[in-house]
Amino acid sequence: MNVYKLARKVGFKNINVDLMLGLPNQSLNDLKVSLNEVISLNPEHISIYSLILEEGTKLEEMIRTGKLRIADEELERKMYWETKRILRENGYIHYEISNFAKKGFMSKHNLDCWNQKEYIGFGTASHSYLEGIRYSNAIGIKEYIENHNITIHEKQKKEDMRKRIYAIRFKKNRGN
């Protein structure tokens, strides 16, 4: 909260807050408390992400061995739908799977990605999308400088691109 308040104090007028659901030992009530704290700050944009366990991490090992428990699928779905309801009731528009914004504050980058617009990222860990191909640069600065490594993540077929754009337009026309 202190960083958020400092950002406001120095003049930031468009702030995003990220929240996670499905964390170890997190209850629906815990999530509601967190949501209400964030909403009380009045950010323009809120992103909600489900915990994803990465194989080989300490957290994944703790879950696998039973030292920690995470929400089952049913509780995680309840958390997501409750989050949507609470944010909608507080003036946030659900415009992308993980993103909610006040009117006029939807992320242009997120919308461009969903609408298949091209973009180029520069520097370590940056991402690009050109001619239907998603790329990313090396994460480490040494590897980036020495090897100029670029990883291709996805080559989209024209038909897949059209389907995605159609789905977005269909959703917009339905007012969702």
C-alpha atoms as a PDB file:
ATOM      1  CA  MET A   1       0.000   0.000   0.000  1.00  0.00           C
ATOM      2  CA  ASN A   2       2.848   2.380   0.754  1.00  0.00           C
ATOM      3  CA  VAL A   3       4.273   2.051  -2.772  1.00  0.00           C
ATOM      4  CA  TYR A   4       0.831   2.672  -4.250  1.00  0.00           C
ATOM      5  CA  LYS A   5       0.321   5.794  -2.130  1.00  0.00           C
ATOM      6  CA  LEU A   6       3.810   7.041  -3.006  1.00  0.00           C
ATOM      7  CA  ALA A   7       3.083   6.536  -6.722  1.00  0.00           C
ATOM      8  CA  ARG A   8      -0.075   8.646  -6.361  1.00  0.00           C
ATOM      9  CA  LYS A   9       1.804  11.275  -4.358  1.00  0.00           C
ATOM     10  CA  VAL A  10       4.436  11.733  -7.079  1.00  0.00           C
ATOM     11  CA  GLY A  11       1.759  12.082  -9.741  1.00  0.00           C
ATOM     12  CA  PHE A  12       0.979   8.714 -11.314  1.00  0.00           C
ATOM     13  CA  LYS A  13      -2.591   8.912 -12.634  1.00  0.00           C
ATOM     14  CA  ASN A  14      -3.000   5.428 -14.122  1.00  0.00           C
ATOM     15  CA  ILE A  15      -2.028   2.608 -11.787  1.00  0.00           C
ATOM     16  CA  ASN A  16      -2.531  -1.140 -12.167  1.00  0.00           C
ATOM     17  CA  VAL A  17      -2.660  -3.518  -9.217  1.00  0.00           C
ATOM     18  CA  ASP A  18      -2.068  -7.261  -9.688  1.00  0.00           C
ATOM     19  CA  LEU A  19      -3.810  -9.787  -7.442  1.00  0.00           C
ATOM     20  CA  MET A  20      -3.472 -13.545  -7.288  1.00  0.00           C
ATOM     21  CA  LEU A  21      -6.060 -16.128  -6.426  1.00  0.00           C
ATOM     22  CA  GLY A  22      -5.657 -19.773  -5.552  1.00  0.00           C
ATOM     23  CA  LEU A  23      -2.655 -19.120  -3.312  1.00  0.00           C
ATOM     24  CA  PRO A  24      -1.702 -21.692  -0.659  1.00  0.00           C
ATOM     25  CA  ASN A  25      -4.137 -21.569   2.272  1.00  0.00           C
ATOM     26  CA  GLN A  26      -6.082 -18.666   0.686  1.00  0.00           C
ATOM     27  CA  SER A  27      -9.789 -18.739   1.460  1.00  0.00           C
ATOM     28  CA  LEU A  28     -12.604 -17.018  -0.398  1.00  0.00           C
ATOM     29  CA  ASN A  29     -12.850 -14.598   2.515  1.00  0.00           C
ATOM     30  CA  ASP A  30      -9.089 -13.844   2.317  1.00  0.00           C
ATOM     31  CA  LEU A  31      -9.536 -12.968  -1.342  1.00  0.00           C
ATOM     32  CA  LYS A  32     -12.513 -10.694  -0.579  1.00  0.00           C
ATOM     33  CA  VAL A  33     -10.481  -8.851   2.067  1.00  0.00           C
ATOM     34  CA  SER A  34      -7.629  -8.340  -0.426  1.00  0.00           C
ATOM     35  CA  LEU A  35     -10.043  -7.168  -3.126  1.00  0.00           C
ATOM     36  CA  ASN A  36     -11.677  -4.669  -0.775  1.00  0.00           C
ATOM     37  CA  GLU A  37      -8.269  -3.303   0.258  1.00  0.00           C
ATOM     38  CA  VAL A  38      -7.283  -2.842  -3.390  1.00  0.00           C
ATOM     39  CA  ILE A  39     -10.637  -1.297  -4.328  1.00  0.00           C
ATOM     40  CA  SER A  40     -10.289   1.169  -1.437  1.00  0.00           C
ATOM     41  CA  LEU A  41      -7.082   2.430  -3.091  1.00  0.00           C
ATOM     42  CA  ASN A  42      -9.116   3.219  -6.225  1.00  0.00           C
ATOM     43  CA  PRO A  43      -6.702   2.021  -8.939  1.00  0.00           C
ATOM     44  CA  GLU A  44      -7.673   2.512 -12.564  1.00  0.00           C
ATOM     45  CA  HIS A  45      -6.785  -1.051 -13.548  1.00  0.00           C
ATOM     46  CA  ILE A  46      -6.737  -4.399 -11.741  1.00  0.00           C
ATOM     47  CA  SER A  47      -5.277  -7.663 -13.064  1.00  0.00           C
ATOM     48  CA  ILE A  48      -6.270 -10.996 -11.512  1.00  0.00           C
ATOM     49  CA  TYR A  49      -4.126 -14.092 -11.974  1.00  0.00           C
ATOM     50  CA  SER A  50      -4.489 -17.691 -10.831  1.00  0.00           C
ATOM     51  CA  LEU A  51      -1.471 -19.326  -9.259  1.00  0.00           C
ATOM     52  CA  ILE A  52       0.394 -21.511 -11.731  1.00  0.00           C
ATOM     53  CA  LEU A  53       2.759 -24.048 -10.227  1.00  0.00           C
ATOM     54  CA  GLU A  54       5.992 -24.378 -12.167  1.00  0.00           C
ATOM     55  CA  GLU A  55       7.591 -27.819 -12.081  1.00  0.00           C
ATOM     56  CA  GLY A  56      10.835 -27.949 -10.139  1.00  0.00           C
ATOM     57  CA  THR A  57      10.104 -24.915  -7.944  1.00  0.00           C
ATOM     58  CA  LYS A  58      10.129 -25.008  -4.142  1.00  0.00           C
ATOM     59  CA  LEU A  59       6.412 -24.139  -4.066  1.00  0.00           C
ATOM     60  CA  GLU A  60       5.527 -26.963  -6.455  1.00  0.00           C
ATOM     61  CA  GLU A  61       7.502 -29.389  -4.301  1.00  0.00           C
ATOM     62  CA  MET A  62       5.737 -28.216  -1.131  1.00  0.00           C
ATOM     63  CA  ILE A  63       2.331 -28.713  -2.780  1.00  0.00           C
ATOM     64  CA  ARG A  64       3.297 -32.099  -4.244  1.00  0.00           C
ATOM     65  CA  THR A  65       4.579 -33.387  -0.899  1.00  0.00           C
ATOM     66  CA  GLY A  66       1.560 -32.099   1.027  1.00  0.00           C
ATOM     67  CA  LYS A  67       3.397 -29.448   3.076  1.00  0.00           C
ATOM     68  CA  LEU A  68       1.075 -26.822   1.587  1.00  0.00           C
ATOM     69  CA  ARG A  69      -2.370 -27.029   0.027  1.00  0.00           C
ATOM     70  CA  ILE A  70      -3.825 -24.910  -2.737  1.00  0.00           C
ATOM     71  CA  ALA A  71      -7.449 -24.319  -3.600  1.00  0.00           C
ATOM     72  CA  ASP A  72      -9.166 -27.045  -5.569  1.00  0.00           C
ATOM     73  CA  GLU A  73     -10.666 -26.196  -8.965  1.00  0.00           C
ATOM     74  CA  GLU A  74     -14.127 -25.571  -7.538  1.00  0.00           C
ATOM     75  CA  LEU A  75     -12.887 -23.049  -4.958  1.00  0.00           C
ATOM     76  CA  GLU A  76     -10.651 -21.356  -7.519  1.00  0.00           C
ATOM     77  CA  ARG A  77     -13.647 -20.957  -9.879  1.00  0.00           C
ATOM     78  CA  LYS A  78     -15.705 -19.479  -7.022  1.00  0.00           C
ATOM     79  CA  MET A  79     -12.865 -17.056  -6.315  1.00  0.00           C
ATOM     80  CA  TYR A  80     -12.744 -15.973  -9.957  1.00  0.00           C
ATOM     81  CA  TRP A  81     -16.517 -15.461 -10.281  1.00  0.00           C
ATOM     82  CA  GLU A  82     -16.698 -13.646  -6.946  1.00  0.00           C
ATOM     83  CA  THR A  83     -13.827 -11.404  -8.040  1.00  0.00           C
ATOM     84  CA  LYS A  84     -15.666 -10.575 -11.271  1.00  0.00           C
ATOM     85  CA  ARG A  85     -18.859  -9.760  -9.342  1.00  0.00           C
ATOM     86  CA  ILE A  86     -17.139  -7.553  -6.768  1.00  0.00           C
ATOM     87  CA  LEU A  87     -15.130  -5.634  -9.357  1.00  0.00           C
ATOM     88  CA  ARG A  88     -18.193  -5.119 -11.580  1.00  0.00           C
ATOM     89  CA  GLU A  89     -20.160  -3.780  -8.603  1.00  0.00           C
ATOM     90  CA  ASN A  90     -17.317  -1.334  -7.975  1.00  0.00           C
ATOM     91  CA  GLY A  91     -17.229   0.095 -11.493  1.00  0.00           C
ATOM     92  CA  TYR A  92     -14.577  -2.067 -13.132  1.00  0.00           C
ATOM     93  CA  ILE A  93     -15.122  -3.356 -16.665  1.00  0.00           C
ATOM     94  CA  HIS A  94     -13.991  -6.928 -17.368  1.00  0.00           C
ATOM     95  CA  TYR A  95     -12.443  -6.442 -20.804  1.00  0.00           C
ATOM     96  CA  GLU A  96      -9.926  -9.262 -21.038  1.00  0.00           C
ATOM     97  CA  ILE A  97      -9.656 -12.619 -19.263  1.00  0.00           C
ATOM     98  CA  SER A  98      -7.451 -11.362 -16.414  1.00  0.00           C
ATOM     99  CA  ASN A  99      -8.011  -7.625 -16.662  1.00  0.00           C
ATOM    100  CA  PHE A 100     -10.512  -5.156 -15.258  1.00  0.00           C
ATOM    101  CA  ALA A 101     -10.448  -1.402 -15.714  1.00  0.00           C
ATOM    102  CA  LYS A 102     -12.408   1.724 -15.076  1.00  0.00           C
ATOM    103  CA  LYS A 103     -13.909   3.304 -18.171  1.00  0.00           C
ATOM    104  CA  GLY A 104     -11.176   4.786 -20.353  1.00  0.00           C
ATOM    105  CA  PHE A 105      -8.331   2.897 -18.667  1.00  0.00           C
ATOM    106  CA  MET A 106      -8.199  -0.395 -20.570  1.00  0.00           C
ATOM    107  CA  SER A 107      -4.621  -1.361 -21.432  1.00  0.00           C
ATOM    108  CA  LYS A 108      -3.887  -0.464 -25.040  1.00  0.00           C
ATOM    109  CA  HIS A 109      -1.168  -3.141 -25.159  1.00  0.00           C
ATOM    110  CA  ASN A 110      -3.539  -5.866 -23.911  1.00  0.00           C
ATOM    111  CA  LEU A 111      -6.192  -4.845 -26.425  1.00  0.00           C
ATOM    112  CA  ASP A 112      -3.647  -4.732 -29.241  1.00  0.00           C
ATOM    113  CA  CYS A 113      -2.479  -8.260 -28.376  1.00  0.00           C
ATOM    114  CA  TRP A 114      -6.041  -9.593 -28.407  1.00  0.00           C
ATOM    115  CA  ASN A 115      -6.711  -7.819 -31.697  1.00  0.00           C
ATOM    116  CA  GLN A 116      -3.590  -9.336 -33.285  1.00  0.00           C
ATOM    117  CA  LYS A 117      -1.800  -6.012 -33.750  1.00  0.00           C
ATOM    118  CA  GLU A 118       1.950  -6.224 -34.187  1.00  0.00           C
ATOM    119  CA  TYR A 119       4.452  -4.896 -31.661  1.00  0.00           C
ATOM    120  CA  ILE A 120       8.213  -5.023 -31.162  1.00  0.00           C
ATOM    121  CA  GLY A 121       9.931  -5.387 -27.798  1.00  0.00           C
ATOM    122  CA  PHE A 122      13.516  -4.261 -27.181  1.00  0.00           C
ATOM    123  CA  GLY A 123      15.891  -5.448 -24.462  1.00  0.00           C
ATOM    124  CA  THR A 124      16.127  -8.428 -22.147  1.00  0.00           C
ATOM    125  CA  ALA A 125      12.968 -10.473 -21.610  1.00  0.00           C
ATOM    126  CA  SER A 126      11.018  -8.331 -24.078  1.00  0.00           C
ATOM    127  CA  HIS A 127       8.387  -9.844 -26.363  1.00  0.00           C
ATOM    128  CA  SER A 128       7.397  -9.138 -29.949  1.00  0.00           C
ATOM    129  CA  TYR A 129       4.653 -10.179 -32.349  1.00  0.00           C
ATOM    130  CA  LEU A 130       5.318  -9.852 -36.084  1.00  0.00           C
ATOM    131  CA  GLU A 131       3.698 -11.554 -39.081  1.00  0.00           C
ATOM    132  CA  GLY A 132       1.840 -14.042 -36.878  1.00  0.00           C
ATOM    133  CA  ILE A 133       4.905 -15.103 -34.878  1.00  0.00           C
ATOM    134  CA  ARG A 134       5.432 -14.456 -31.142  1.00  0.00           C
ATOM    135  CA  TYR A 135       9.052 -13.942 -30.047  1.00  0.00           C
ATOM    136  CA  SER A 136      10.881 -13.232 -26.817  1.00  0.00           C
ATOM    137  CA  ASN A 137      14.417 -12.116 -26.095  1.00  0.00           C
ATOM    138  CA  ALA A 138      16.791 -13.812 -23.650  1.00  0.00           C
ATOM    139  CA  ILE A 139      16.041 -13.082 -19.997  1.00  0.00           C
ATOM    140  CA  GLY A 140      19.613 -12.668 -18.735  1.00  0.00           C
ATOM    141  CA  ILE A 141      21.468  -9.537 -19.811  1.00  0.00           C
ATOM    142  CA  LYS A 142      24.740 -11.433 -20.412  1.00  0.00           C
ATOM    143  CA  GLU A 143      22.999 -14.011 -22.633  1.00  0.00           C
ATOM    144  CA  TYR A 144      21.132 -11.223 -24.416  1.00  0.00           C
ATOM    145  CA  ILE A 145      24.323  -9.276 -25.163  1.00  0.00           C
ATOM    146  CA  GLU A 146      26.482 -12.269 -26.095  1.00  0.00           C
ATOM    147  CA  ASN A 147      24.036 -14.397 -28.053  1.00  0.00           C
ATOM    148  CA  HIS A 148      21.168 -12.138 -29.099  1.00  0.00           C
ATOM    149  CA  ASN A 149      18.931 -15.132 -28.330  1.00  0.00           C
ATOM    150  CA  ILE A 150      15.393 -14.889 -29.586  1.00  0.00           C
ATOM    151  CA  THR A 151      12.925 -17.641 -28.839  1.00  0.00           C
ATOM    152  CA  ILE A 152       9.965 -18.309 -31.107  1.00  0.00           C
ATOM    153  CA  HIS A 153       6.967 -19.212 -28.961  1.00  0.00           C
ATOM    154  CA  GLU A 154       4.184 -19.543 -31.495  1.00  0.00           C
ATOM    155  CA  LYS A 155       3.628 -19.388 -35.231  1.00  0.00           C
ATOM    156  CA  GLN A 156      -0.021 -18.623 -35.815  1.00  0.00           C
ATOM    157  CA  LYS A 157      -1.848 -19.777 -38.880  1.00  0.00           C
ATOM    158  CA  LYS A 158      -3.939 -17.161 -40.672  1.00  0.00           C
ATOM    159  CA  GLU A 159      -7.120 -19.114 -39.866  1.00  0.00           C
ATOM    160  CA  ASP A 160      -6.314 -19.082 -36.121  1.00  0.00           C
ATOM    161  CA  MET A 161      -5.727 -15.327 -36.263  1.00  0.00           C
ATOM    162  CA  ARG A 162      -9.089 -14.778 -37.981  1.00  0.00           C
ATOM    163  CA  LYS A 163     -10.888 -16.970 -35.414  1.00  0.00           C
ATOM    164  CA  ARG A 164      -9.382 -15.016 -32.530  1.00  0.00           C
ATOM    165  CA  ILE A 165     -10.330 -11.666 -34.036  1.00  0.00           C
ATOM    166  CA  TYR A 166     -13.851 -12.975 -34.804  1.00  0.00           C
ATOM    167  CA  ALA A 167     -14.261 -14.178 -31.195  1.00  0.00           C
ATOM    168  CA  ILE A 168     -13.224 -10.762 -29.864  1.00  0.00           C
ATOM    169  CA  ARG A 169     -15.597  -8.904 -32.165  1.00  0.00           C
ATOM    170  CA  PHE A 170     -18.426 -11.326 -31.310  1.00  0.00           C
ATOM    171  CA  LYS A 171     -17.834 -10.734 -27.592  1.00  0.00           C
ATOM    172  CA  LYS A 172     -17.817  -6.937 -28.095  1.00  0.00           C
ATOM    173  CA  ASN A 173     -21.048  -7.050 -30.090  1.00  0.00           C
ATOM    174  CA  ARG A 174     -22.728  -9.043 -27.315  1.00  0.00           C
ATOM    175  CA  GLY A 175     -21.694  -6.363 -24.821  1.00  0.00           C
ATOM    176  CA  ASN A 176     -19.477  -8.644 -22.683  1.00  0.00           C
END
